[in-house]
Amino acid sequence: MLQMLYERRGATLLTALFLVCFTLMSLSARRRGGTTVFEELALSISGVLIETATAPRRWTQNIWDNYIALRGVREENKRMLKELASLRSNSVRIHELESQVTRLEGLLGSVRGKKTQVRLAQIIGRDQSPFGKSFIIDQGRISGVRRNMPVIHQRGIVGRVFRVGRSVSQVLPIIDSRSSVDVIVQRTRAQGVFSISSENRGEIRYMPVEADVKRGDLLVSSGLGGIFPKGIPVARVVSATREDKHLFRTVKASPTVDFNKLEEVLIMFVRQKETPWK
């Protein structure tokens, strides 16, 4: 309350001084046409008083103008940040689409020129239990999928359809302990059976001790068993040892398909004993 009275008192004093100076200037102007020292002094005082009286208003106006300008800058910054986030999001989506197109081109290119009918499927779920490696794809009975249909990738055999639902199916991959594939060494035609022995590492059983097989050899499906067509890559030999006392060689192999990066697969619509891969 006292502060308000003090401010009003100051404003009243300034107004009174201004009126006195203005009155003196008016009287002097009536008496003679020239400007006296007193009049110049009074004019200067009037200017100071006017400047002092209007300063708060100008100061307030400047603060308001700066606030409006700052608010505009903040709004512009927010808009630009949103645009930047949108551009980054679009860039990520474009990169993901380009990556998917590249994968699909490679996948479909692997069966180009073949007489095999295939259907593209997306992996939508994986078995996380330590006892199985199966996964779920987004194609089922309504798409014509049937049990034991081969599932492949551009790098080789993935597995076979294990269970079929209306719109989804379960795939049993070759890295599952319940799965095995009859294979031959592409270079020498020696035969064996591929099955998984450890995490993504397999072994070739029933490979004769005299068989010609060495590190780096490609193993392809033999066509036996009536599920997988002949000649599709399965694994590559990692090591091969021979012991004369044993009937079979000890051969370790790694699948050609990288199951940790698998996203899309192809389901092969083939009949048993059909060999369309040749």
C-alpha atoms as a PDB file:
ATOM      1  CA  MET A   1       0.000   0.000   0.000  1.00  0.00           C
ATOM      2  CA  LEU A   2       2.789   2.433   0.917  1.00  0.00           C
ATOM      3  CA  GLN A   3       4.613   1.566  -2.285  1.00  0.00           C
ATOM      4  CA  MET A   4       1.515   2.421  -4.335  1.00  0.00           C
ATOM      5  CA  LEU A   5       1.157   5.784  -2.550  1.00  0.00           C
ATOM      6  CA  TYR A   6       4.814   6.479  -3.139  1.00  0.00           C
ATOM      7  CA  GLU A   7       4.512   5.706  -6.854  1.00  0.00           C
ATOM      8  CA  ARG A   8       1.425   7.928  -7.183  1.00  0.00           C
ATOM      9  CA  ARG A   9       3.159  10.703  -5.293  1.00  0.00           C
ATOM     10  CA  GLY A  10       6.129  10.555  -7.642  1.00  0.00           C
ATOM     11  CA  ALA A  11       3.947  10.633 -10.715  1.00  0.00           C
ATOM     12  CA  THR A  12       1.987  13.651  -9.318  1.00  0.00           C
ATOM     13  CA  LEU A  13       5.232  15.527  -8.631  1.00  0.00           C
ATOM     14  CA  LEU A  14       6.518  14.917 -12.154  1.00  0.00           C
ATOM     15  CA  THR A  15       3.222  16.107 -13.620  1.00  0.00           C
ATOM     16  CA  ALA A  16       3.295  19.270 -11.479  1.00  0.00           C
ATOM     17  CA  LEU A  17       6.861  20.101 -12.515  1.00  0.00           C
ATOM     18  CA  PHE A  18       5.965  19.606 -16.148  1.00  0.00           C
ATOM     19  CA  LEU A  19       2.978  21.981 -15.843  1.00  0.00           C
ATOM     20  CA  VAL A  20       5.082  24.639 -14.125  1.00  0.00           C
ATOM     21  CA  CYS A  21       7.715  24.503 -16.847  1.00  0.00           C
ATOM     22  CA  PHE A  22       5.117  24.603 -19.572  1.00  0.00           C
ATOM     23  CA  THR A  23       3.393  27.604 -17.944  1.00  0.00           C
ATOM     24  CA  LEU A  24       6.651  29.538 -17.636  1.00  0.00           C
ATOM     25  CA  MET A  25       7.464  28.849 -21.242  1.00  0.00           C
ATOM     26  CA  SER A  26       4.014  30.061 -22.333  1.00  0.00           C
ATOM     27  CA  LEU A  27       4.343  33.339 -20.338  1.00  0.00           C
ATOM     28  CA  SER A  28       7.760  34.006 -21.720  1.00  0.00           C
ATOM     29  CA  ALA A  29       6.564  33.372 -25.236  1.00  0.00           C
ATOM     30  CA  ARG A  30       3.867  36.028 -24.864  1.00  0.00           C
ATOM     31  CA  ARG A  31       6.271  38.745 -23.618  1.00  0.00           C
ATOM     32  CA  ARG A  32       8.919  38.412 -26.349  1.00  0.00           C
ATOM     33  CA  GLY A  33       9.551  36.511 -29.449  1.00  0.00           C
ATOM     34  CA  GLY A  34      13.119  35.301 -28.571  1.00  0.00           C
ATOM     35  CA  THR A  35      14.177  32.345 -26.444  1.00  0.00           C
ATOM     36  CA  THR A  36      15.799  33.097 -23.140  1.00  0.00           C
ATOM     37  CA  VAL A  37      18.205  30.907 -21.180  1.00  0.00           C
ATOM     38  CA  PHE A  38      15.447  30.242 -18.710  1.00  0.00           C
ATOM     39  CA  GLU A  39      13.147  29.076 -21.492  1.00  0.00           C
ATOM     40  CA  GLU A  40      15.810  26.727 -22.879  1.00  0.00           C
ATOM     41  CA  LEU A  41      16.329  25.351 -19.386  1.00  0.00           C
ATOM     42  CA  ALA A  42      12.617  24.867 -18.917  1.00  0.00           C
ATOM     43  CA  LEU A  43      12.377  23.142 -22.317  1.00  0.00           C
ATOM     44  CA  SER A  44      15.187  20.781 -21.410  1.00  0.00           C
ATOM     45  CA  ILE A  45      13.567  19.985 -18.076  1.00  0.00           C
ATOM     46  CA  SER A  46      10.276  19.331 -19.874  1.00  0.00           C
ATOM     47  CA  GLY A  47      12.010  16.908 -22.221  1.00  0.00           C
ATOM     48  CA  VAL A  48      13.566  15.055 -19.312  1.00  0.00           C
ATOM     49  CA  LEU A  49      10.222  14.896 -17.525  1.00  0.00           C
ATOM     50  CA  ILE A  50       8.446  13.626 -20.614  1.00  0.00           C
ATOM     51  CA  GLU A  51      11.172  11.048 -21.173  1.00  0.00           C
ATOM     52  CA  THR A  52      10.924   9.940 -17.565  1.00  0.00           C
ATOM     53  CA  ALA A  53       7.137   9.787 -17.633  1.00  0.00           C
ATOM     54  CA  THR A  54       6.980   7.688 -20.796  1.00  0.00           C
ATOM     55  CA  ALA A  55       9.950   5.415 -20.011  1.00  0.00           C
ATOM     56  CA  PRO A  56       7.947   2.784 -18.067  1.00  0.00           C
ATOM     57  CA  ARG A  57       5.442   2.467 -20.866  1.00  0.00           C
ATOM     58  CA  ARG A  58       8.171   2.083 -23.479  1.00  0.00           C
ATOM     59  CA  TRP A  59      10.022  -0.367 -21.280  1.00  0.00           C
ATOM     60  CA  THR A  60       6.849  -2.412 -20.821  1.00  0.00           C
ATOM     61  CA  GLN A  61       6.180  -2.273 -24.553  1.00  0.00           C
ATOM     62  CA  ASN A  62       9.693  -3.486 -25.307  1.00  0.00           C
ATOM     63  CA  ILE A  63       9.303  -6.388 -22.867  1.00  0.00           C
ATOM     64  CA  TRP A  64       6.004  -7.321 -24.464  1.00  0.00           C
ATOM     65  CA  ASP A  65       7.430  -7.113 -27.990  1.00  0.00           C
ATOM     66  CA  ASN A  66      10.403  -9.263 -26.971  1.00  0.00           C
ATOM     67  CA  TYR A  67       8.063 -11.771 -25.314  1.00  0.00           C
ATOM     68  CA  ILE A  68       5.950 -12.010 -28.462  1.00  0.00           C
ATOM     69  CA  ALA A  69       9.071 -12.410 -30.604  1.00  0.00           C
ATOM     70  CA  LEU A  70      10.520 -15.037 -28.245  1.00  0.00           C
ATOM     71  CA  ARG A  71       7.260 -16.917 -28.214  1.00  0.00           C
ATOM     72  CA  GLY A  72       7.250 -16.888 -32.005  1.00  0.00           C
ATOM     73  CA  VAL A  73      10.802 -18.262 -32.061  1.00  0.00           C
ATOM     74  CA  ARG A  74       9.859 -21.014 -29.625  1.00  0.00           C
ATOM     75  CA  GLU A  75       6.854 -21.980 -31.711  1.00  0.00           C
ATOM     76  CA  GLU A  76       9.043 -22.029 -34.813  1.00  0.00           C
ATOM     77  CA  ASN A  77      11.596 -24.211 -33.017  1.00  0.00           C
ATOM     78  CA  LYS A  78       8.866 -26.643 -31.986  1.00  0.00           C
ATOM     79  CA  ARG A  79       7.590 -26.795 -35.562  1.00  0.00           C
ATOM     80  CA  MET A  80      11.082 -27.368 -36.938  1.00  0.00           C
ATOM     81  CA  LEU A  81      11.782 -30.084 -34.351  1.00  0.00           C
ATOM     82  CA  LYS A  82       8.555 -31.849 -35.334  1.00  0.00           C
ATOM     83  CA  GLU A  83       9.505 -31.635 -39.009  1.00  0.00           C
ATOM     84  CA  LEU A  84      12.977 -32.972 -38.211  1.00  0.00           C
ATOM     85  CA  ALA A  85      11.515 -35.890 -36.231  1.00  0.00           C
ATOM     86  CA  SER A  86       9.137 -36.618 -39.098  1.00  0.00           C
ATOM     87  CA  LEU A  87      11.988 -36.567 -41.629  1.00  0.00           C
ATOM     88  CA  ARG A  88      14.052 -38.909 -39.464  1.00  0.00           C
ATOM     89  CA  SER A  89      11.101 -41.260 -39.084  1.00  0.00           C
ATOM     90  CA  ASN A  90      10.505 -41.215 -42.850  1.00  0.00           C
ATOM     91  CA  SER A  91      14.204 -41.868 -43.432  1.00  0.00           C
ATOM     92  CA  VAL A  92      14.075 -44.903 -41.136  1.00  0.00           C
ATOM     93  CA  ARG A  93      10.971 -46.216 -42.904  1.00  0.00           C
ATOM     94  CA  ILE A  94      12.527 -45.693 -46.335  1.00  0.00           C
ATOM     95  CA  HIS A  95      15.713 -47.457 -45.240  1.00  0.00           C
ATOM     96  CA  GLU A  96      13.668 -50.359 -43.867  1.00  0.00           C
ATOM     97  CA  LEU A  97      11.652 -50.609 -47.097  1.00  0.00           C
ATOM     98  CA  GLU A  98      14.829 -50.562 -49.181  1.00  0.00           C
ATOM     99  CA  SER A  99      16.277 -53.312 -47.003  1.00  0.00           C
ATOM    100  CA  GLN A 100      13.098 -55.383 -47.371  1.00  0.00           C
ATOM    101  CA  VAL A 101      13.038 -54.909 -51.149  1.00  0.00           C
ATOM    102  CA  THR A 102      16.665 -56.066 -51.344  1.00  0.00           C
ATOM    103  CA  ARG A 103      15.887 -59.166 -49.270  1.00  0.00           C
ATOM    104  CA  LEU A 104      12.806 -60.010 -51.331  1.00  0.00           C
ATOM    105  CA  GLU A 105      14.642 -59.521 -54.616  1.00  0.00           C
ATOM    106  CA  GLY A 106      17.295 -61.973 -53.472  1.00  0.00           C
ATOM    107  CA  LEU A 107      14.706 -64.390 -52.145  1.00  0.00           C
ATOM    108  CA  LEU A 108      12.559 -64.400 -55.280  1.00  0.00           C
ATOM    109  CA  GLY A 109      15.618 -64.316 -57.511  1.00  0.00           C
ATOM    110  CA  SER A 110      16.707 -67.654 -56.073  1.00  0.00           C
ATOM    111  CA  VAL A 111      13.694 -69.380 -57.687  1.00  0.00           C
ATOM    112  CA  ARG A 112      13.573 -67.314 -60.884  1.00  0.00           C
ATOM    113  CA  GLY A 113      13.650 -69.650 -63.875  1.00  0.00           C
ATOM    114  CA  LYS A 114      12.527 -72.627 -61.789  1.00  0.00           C
ATOM    115  CA  LYS A 115       9.252 -74.390 -62.446  1.00  0.00           C
ATOM    116  CA  THR A 116       8.481 -74.509 -58.755  1.00  0.00           C
ATOM    117  CA  GLN A 117       5.425 -72.704 -57.419  1.00  0.00           C
ATOM    118  CA  VAL A 118       6.279 -70.767 -54.257  1.00  0.00           C
ATOM    119  CA  ARG A 119       4.521 -68.478 -51.803  1.00  0.00           C
ATOM    120  CA  LEU A 120       6.204 -65.722 -49.835  1.00  0.00           C
ATOM    121  CA  ALA A 121       5.715 -65.867 -46.057  1.00  0.00           C
ATOM    122  CA  GLN A 122       6.659 -63.545 -43.235  1.00  0.00           C
ATOM    123  CA  ILE A 123       7.966 -64.859 -39.923  1.00  0.00           C
ATOM    124  CA  ILE A 124       5.649 -63.493 -37.236  1.00  0.00           C
ATOM    125  CA  GLY A 125       6.687 -65.492 -34.162  1.00  0.00           C
ATOM    126  CA  ARG A 126       9.458 -67.689 -32.757  1.00  0.00           C
ATOM    127  CA  ASP A 127       9.589 -70.488 -30.217  1.00  0.00           C
ATOM    128  CA  GLN A 128      11.655 -69.117 -27.316  1.00  0.00           C
ATOM    129  CA  SER A 129      11.884 -72.396 -25.407  1.00  0.00           C
ATOM    130  CA  PRO A 130      15.301 -74.082 -25.094  1.00  0.00           C
ATOM    131  CA  PHE A 131      13.878 -77.348 -26.456  1.00  0.00           C
ATOM    132  CA  GLY A 132      12.711 -76.116 -29.859  1.00  0.00           C
ATOM    133  CA  LYS A 133      13.606 -73.740 -32.685  1.00  0.00           C
ATOM    134  CA  SER A 134      10.295 -73.627 -34.548  1.00  0.00           C
ATOM    135  CA  PHE A 135       8.715 -70.387 -35.767  1.00  0.00           C
ATOM    136  CA  ILE A 136       5.351 -69.150 -37.030  1.00  0.00           C
ATOM    137  CA  ILE A 137       4.667 -67.792 -40.533  1.00  0.00           C
ATOM    138  CA  ASP A 138       1.720 -65.749 -41.780  1.00  0.00           C
ATOM    139  CA  GLN A 139       0.456 -68.318 -44.315  1.00  0.00           C
ATOM    140  CA  GLY A 140      -1.937 -71.166 -43.606  1.00  0.00           C
ATOM    141  CA  ARG A 141      -4.581 -73.479 -44.948  1.00  0.00           C
ATOM    142  CA  ILE A 142      -6.527 -70.759 -46.789  1.00  0.00           C
ATOM    143  CA  SER A 143      -3.361 -70.042 -48.804  1.00  0.00           C
ATOM    144  CA  GLY A 144      -3.001 -73.687 -49.800  1.00  0.00           C
ATOM    145  CA  VAL A 145      -0.274 -74.524 -47.294  1.00  0.00           C
ATOM    146  CA  ARG A 146      -0.034 -78.194 -46.328  1.00  0.00           C
ATOM    147  CA  ARG A 147       1.976 -80.172 -43.790  1.00  0.00           C
ATOM    148  CA  ASN A 148       5.550 -81.142 -44.784  1.00  0.00           C
ATOM    149  CA  MET A 149       5.830 -78.529 -47.528  1.00  0.00           C
ATOM    150  CA  PRO A 150       9.477 -77.432 -47.881  1.00  0.00           C
ATOM    151  CA  VAL A 151      10.387 -73.970 -46.624  1.00  0.00           C
ATOM    152  CA  ILE A 152      13.442 -72.368 -48.223  1.00  0.00           C
ATOM    153  CA  HIS A 153      15.516 -69.187 -48.347  1.00  0.00           C
ATOM    154  CA  GLN A 154      17.805 -67.844 -51.044  1.00  0.00           C
ATOM    155  CA  ARG A 155      20.735 -69.387 -49.139  1.00  0.00           C
ATOM    156  CA  GLY A 156      19.200 -72.823 -48.825  1.00  0.00           C
ATOM    157  CA  ILE A 157      16.770 -75.049 -46.942  1.00  0.00           C
ATOM    158  CA  VAL A 158      15.070 -73.561 -43.879  1.00  0.00           C
ATOM    159  CA  GLY A 159      12.851 -76.478 -42.841  1.00  0.00           C
ATOM    160  CA  ARG A 160       9.392 -77.887 -43.400  1.00  0.00           C
ATOM    161  CA  VAL A 161       5.830 -76.999 -42.480  1.00  0.00           C
ATOM    162  CA  PHE A 162       5.085 -78.839 -39.256  1.00  0.00           C
ATOM    163  CA  ARG A 163       1.588 -77.725 -38.265  1.00  0.00           C
ATOM    164  CA  VAL A 164      -0.993 -75.837 -40.341  1.00  0.00           C
ATOM    165  CA  GLY A 165      -3.632 -73.413 -39.099  1.00  0.00           C
ATOM    166  CA  ARG A 166      -6.243 -71.463 -40.996  1.00  0.00           C
ATOM    167  CA  SER A 167      -4.070 -68.400 -41.631  1.00  0.00           C
ATOM    168  CA  VAL A 168      -0.758 -69.262 -39.933  1.00  0.00           C
ATOM    169  CA  SER A 169       1.577 -72.255 -39.858  1.00  0.00           C
ATOM    170  CA  GLN A 170       4.394 -73.623 -37.705  1.00  0.00           C
ATOM    171  CA  VAL A 171       7.711 -74.343 -39.393  1.00  0.00           C
ATOM    172  CA  LEU A 172      10.180 -76.914 -38.090  1.00  0.00           C
ATOM    173  CA  PRO A 173      13.660 -75.677 -39.140  1.00  0.00           C
ATOM    174  CA  ILE A 174      16.636 -77.930 -39.831  1.00  0.00           C
ATOM    175  CA  ILE A 175      18.337 -76.550 -36.702  1.00  0.00           C
ATOM    176  CA  ASP A 176      15.634 -78.134 -34.531  1.00  0.00           C
ATOM    177  CA  SER A 177      16.678 -81.371 -32.801  1.00  0.00           C
ATOM    178  CA  ARG A 178      13.599 -83.095 -34.249  1.00  0.00           C
ATOM    179  CA  SER A 179      14.687 -82.412 -37.819  1.00  0.00           C
ATOM    180  CA  SER A 180      17.116 -84.100 -40.238  1.00  0.00           C
ATOM    181  CA  VAL A 181      17.894 -83.820 -43.955  1.00  0.00           C
ATOM    182  CA  ASP A 182      19.432 -86.361 -46.349  1.00  0.00           C
ATOM    183  CA  VAL A 183      22.378 -84.643 -48.030  1.00  0.00           C
ATOM    184  CA  ILE A 184      25.165 -85.288 -50.530  1.00  0.00           C
ATOM    185  CA  VAL A 185      28.551 -83.629 -50.923  1.00  0.00           C
ATOM    186  CA  GLN A 186      28.126 -81.537 -54.071  1.00  0.00           C
ATOM    187  CA  ARG A 187      31.756 -82.070 -55.132  1.00  0.00           C
ATOM    188  CA  THR A 188      32.015 -85.855 -54.678  1.00  0.00           C
ATOM    189  CA  ARG A 189      28.372 -87.003 -54.285  1.00  0.00           C
ATOM    190  CA  ALA A 190      29.149 -88.743 -50.967  1.00  0.00           C
ATOM    191  CA  GLN A 191      25.948 -89.171 -48.944  1.00  0.00           C
ATOM    192  CA  GLY A 192      24.979 -88.611 -45.326  1.00  0.00           C
ATOM    193  CA  VAL A 193      22.301 -87.181 -43.049  1.00  0.00           C
ATOM    194  CA  PHE A 194      22.483 -83.656 -41.650  1.00  0.00           C
ATOM    195  CA  SER A 195      21.163 -83.042 -38.131  1.00  0.00           C
ATOM    196  CA  ILE A 196      21.810 -80.418 -35.509  1.00  0.00           C
ATOM    197  CA  SER A 197      24.257 -81.206 -32.718  1.00  0.00           C
ATOM    198  CA  SER A 198      24.720 -77.848 -30.971  1.00  0.00           C
ATOM    199  CA  GLU A 199      23.693 -74.208 -31.284  1.00  0.00           C
ATOM    200  CA  ASN A 200      23.375 -73.677 -35.070  1.00  0.00           C
ATOM    201  CA  ARG A 201      26.078 -76.270 -35.695  1.00  0.00           C
ATOM    202  CA  GLY A 202      25.296 -79.647 -37.254  1.00  0.00           C
ATOM    203  CA  GLU A 203      26.924 -82.948 -37.994  1.00  0.00           C
ATOM    204  CA  ILE A 204      26.749 -85.354 -40.901  1.00  0.00           C
ATOM    205  CA  ARG A 205      25.819 -88.846 -39.777  1.00  0.00           C
ATOM    206  CA  TYR A 206      26.361 -92.059 -41.697  1.00  0.00           C
ATOM    207  CA  MET A 207      29.103 -90.588 -43.900  1.00  0.00           C
ATOM    208  CA  PRO A 208      31.302 -93.587 -44.921  1.00  0.00           C
ATOM    209  CA  VAL A 209      34.834 -93.511 -43.547  1.00  0.00           C
ATOM    210  CA  GLU A 210      36.263 -93.666 -47.082  1.00  0.00           C
ATOM    211  CA  ALA A 211      34.110 -90.774 -48.316  1.00  0.00           C
ATOM    212  CA  ASP A 212      35.926 -87.842 -49.949  1.00  0.00           C
ATOM    213  CA  VAL A 213      34.823 -84.799 -47.931  1.00  0.00           C
ATOM    214  CA  LYS A 214      36.779 -81.811 -46.682  1.00  0.00           C
ATOM    215  CA  ARG A 215      36.400 -78.405 -45.076  1.00  0.00           C
ATOM    216  CA  GLY A 216      34.476 -75.955 -47.279  1.00  0.00           C
ATOM    217  CA  ASP A 217      32.502 -78.598 -49.207  1.00  0.00           C
ATOM    218  CA  LEU A 218      28.874 -77.670 -49.902  1.00  0.00           C
ATOM    219  CA  LEU A 219      26.195 -80.123 -48.792  1.00  0.00           C
ATOM    220  CA  VAL A 220      22.951 -80.140 -50.778  1.00  0.00           C
ATOM    221  CA  SER A 221      19.714 -82.038 -50.361  1.00  0.00           C
ATOM    222  CA  SER A 222      19.774 -85.499 -51.905  1.00  0.00           C
ATOM    223  CA  GLY A 223      16.052 -85.697 -52.660  1.00  0.00           C
ATOM    224  CA  LEU A 224      15.616 -88.771 -50.459  1.00  0.00           C
ATOM    225  CA  GLY A 225      12.790 -88.758 -47.950  1.00  0.00           C
ATOM    226  CA  GLY A 226      10.177 -87.250 -50.258  1.00  0.00           C
ATOM    227  CA  ILE A 227      10.132 -83.784 -48.652  1.00  0.00           C
ATOM    228  CA  PHE A 228      12.996 -81.655 -49.958  1.00  0.00           C
ATOM    229  CA  PRO A 229      13.733 -81.478 -53.694  1.00  0.00           C
ATOM    230  CA  LYS A 230      17.206 -82.508 -54.762  1.00  0.00           C
ATOM    231  CA  GLY A 231      20.066 -80.011 -55.043  1.00  0.00           C
ATOM    232  CA  ILE A 232      19.108 -77.289 -52.518  1.00  0.00           C
ATOM    233  CA  PRO A 233      21.991 -76.042 -50.301  1.00  0.00           C
ATOM    234  CA  VAL A 234      21.802 -77.260 -46.703  1.00  0.00           C
ATOM    235  CA  ALA A 235      25.163 -76.719 -44.991  1.00  0.00           C
ATOM    236  CA  ARG A 236      28.878 -76.229 -45.519  1.00  0.00           C
ATOM    237  CA  VAL A 237      31.510 -78.533 -44.034  1.00  0.00           C
ATOM    238  CA  VAL A 238      33.450 -77.001 -41.158  1.00  0.00           C
ATOM    239  CA  SER A 239      35.636 -80.003 -40.312  1.00  0.00           C
ATOM    240  CA  ALA A 240      36.041 -83.612 -41.387  1.00  0.00           C
ATOM    241  CA  THR A 241      38.089 -86.244 -39.518  1.00  0.00           C
ATOM    242  CA  ARG A 242      38.708 -89.906 -40.194  1.00  0.00           C
ATOM    243  CA  GLU A 243      39.355 -92.765 -37.800  1.00  0.00           C
ATOM    244  CA  ASP A 244      40.038 -96.160 -39.290  1.00  0.00           C
ATOM    245  CA  LYS A 245      38.422 -97.947 -36.370  1.00  0.00           C
ATOM    246  CA  HIS A 246      35.065 -96.252 -37.065  1.00  0.00           C
ATOM    247  CA  LEU A 247      32.654 -97.087 -39.853  1.00  0.00           C
ATOM    248  CA  PHE A 248      31.721 -93.437 -40.453  1.00  0.00           C
ATOM    249  CA  ARG A 249      33.596 -90.168 -40.726  1.00  0.00           C
ATOM    250  CA  THR A 250      33.120 -87.387 -38.168  1.00  0.00           C
ATOM    251  CA  VAL A 251      31.908 -84.389 -40.153  1.00  0.00           C
ATOM    252  CA  LYS A 252      30.803 -81.059 -38.697  1.00  0.00           C
ATOM    253  CA  ALA A 253      28.831 -78.581 -40.804  1.00  0.00           C
ATOM    254  CA  SER A 254      27.247 -75.166 -40.500  1.00  0.00           C
ATOM    255  CA  PRO A 255      23.861 -74.368 -42.110  1.00  0.00           C
ATOM    256  CA  THR A 256      24.015 -72.081 -45.138  1.00  0.00           C
ATOM    257  CA  VAL A 257      21.022 -70.120 -43.830  1.00  0.00           C
ATOM    258  CA  ASP A 258      21.633 -67.566 -41.069  1.00  0.00           C
ATOM    259  CA  PHE A 259      18.634 -68.338 -38.857  1.00  0.00           C
ATOM    260  CA  ASN A 260      19.351 -65.392 -36.555  1.00  0.00           C
ATOM    261  CA  LYS A 261      18.610 -62.941 -39.396  1.00  0.00           C
ATOM    262  CA  LEU A 262      15.724 -64.775 -41.020  1.00  0.00           C
ATOM    263  CA  GLU A 263      12.642 -62.594 -41.670  1.00  0.00           C
ATOM    264  CA  GLU A 264      10.991 -63.883 -44.853  1.00  0.00           C
ATOM    265  CA  VAL A 265      10.862 -67.382 -46.361  1.00  0.00           C
ATOM    266  CA  LEU A 266       9.415 -69.173 -49.366  1.00  0.00           C
ATOM    267  CA  ILE A 267       7.016 -72.104 -49.128  1.00  0.00           C
ATOM    268  CA  MET A 268       7.487 -74.593 -51.974  1.00  0.00           C
ATOM    269  CA  PHE A 269       4.338 -76.112 -53.474  1.00  0.00           C
ATOM    270  CA  VAL A 270       5.859 -79.397 -54.703  1.00  0.00           C
ATOM    271  CA  ARG A 271       4.643 -82.951 -54.922  1.00  0.00           C
ATOM    272  CA  GLN A 272       6.532 -85.853 -53.415  1.00  0.00           C
ATOM    273  CA  LYS A 273       9.288 -87.318 -55.647  1.00  0.00           C
ATOM    274  CA  GLU A 274       9.257 -84.097 -57.690  1.00  0.00           C
ATOM    275  CA  THR A 275      12.728 -82.652 -58.338  1.00  0.00           C
ATOM    276  CA  PRO A 276      12.131 -79.158 -59.772  1.00  0.00           C
ATOM    277  CA  TRP A 277      15.384 -77.694 -58.440  1.00  0.00           C
ATOM    278  CA  LYS A 278      17.468 -79.151 -61.252  1.00  0.00           C
END
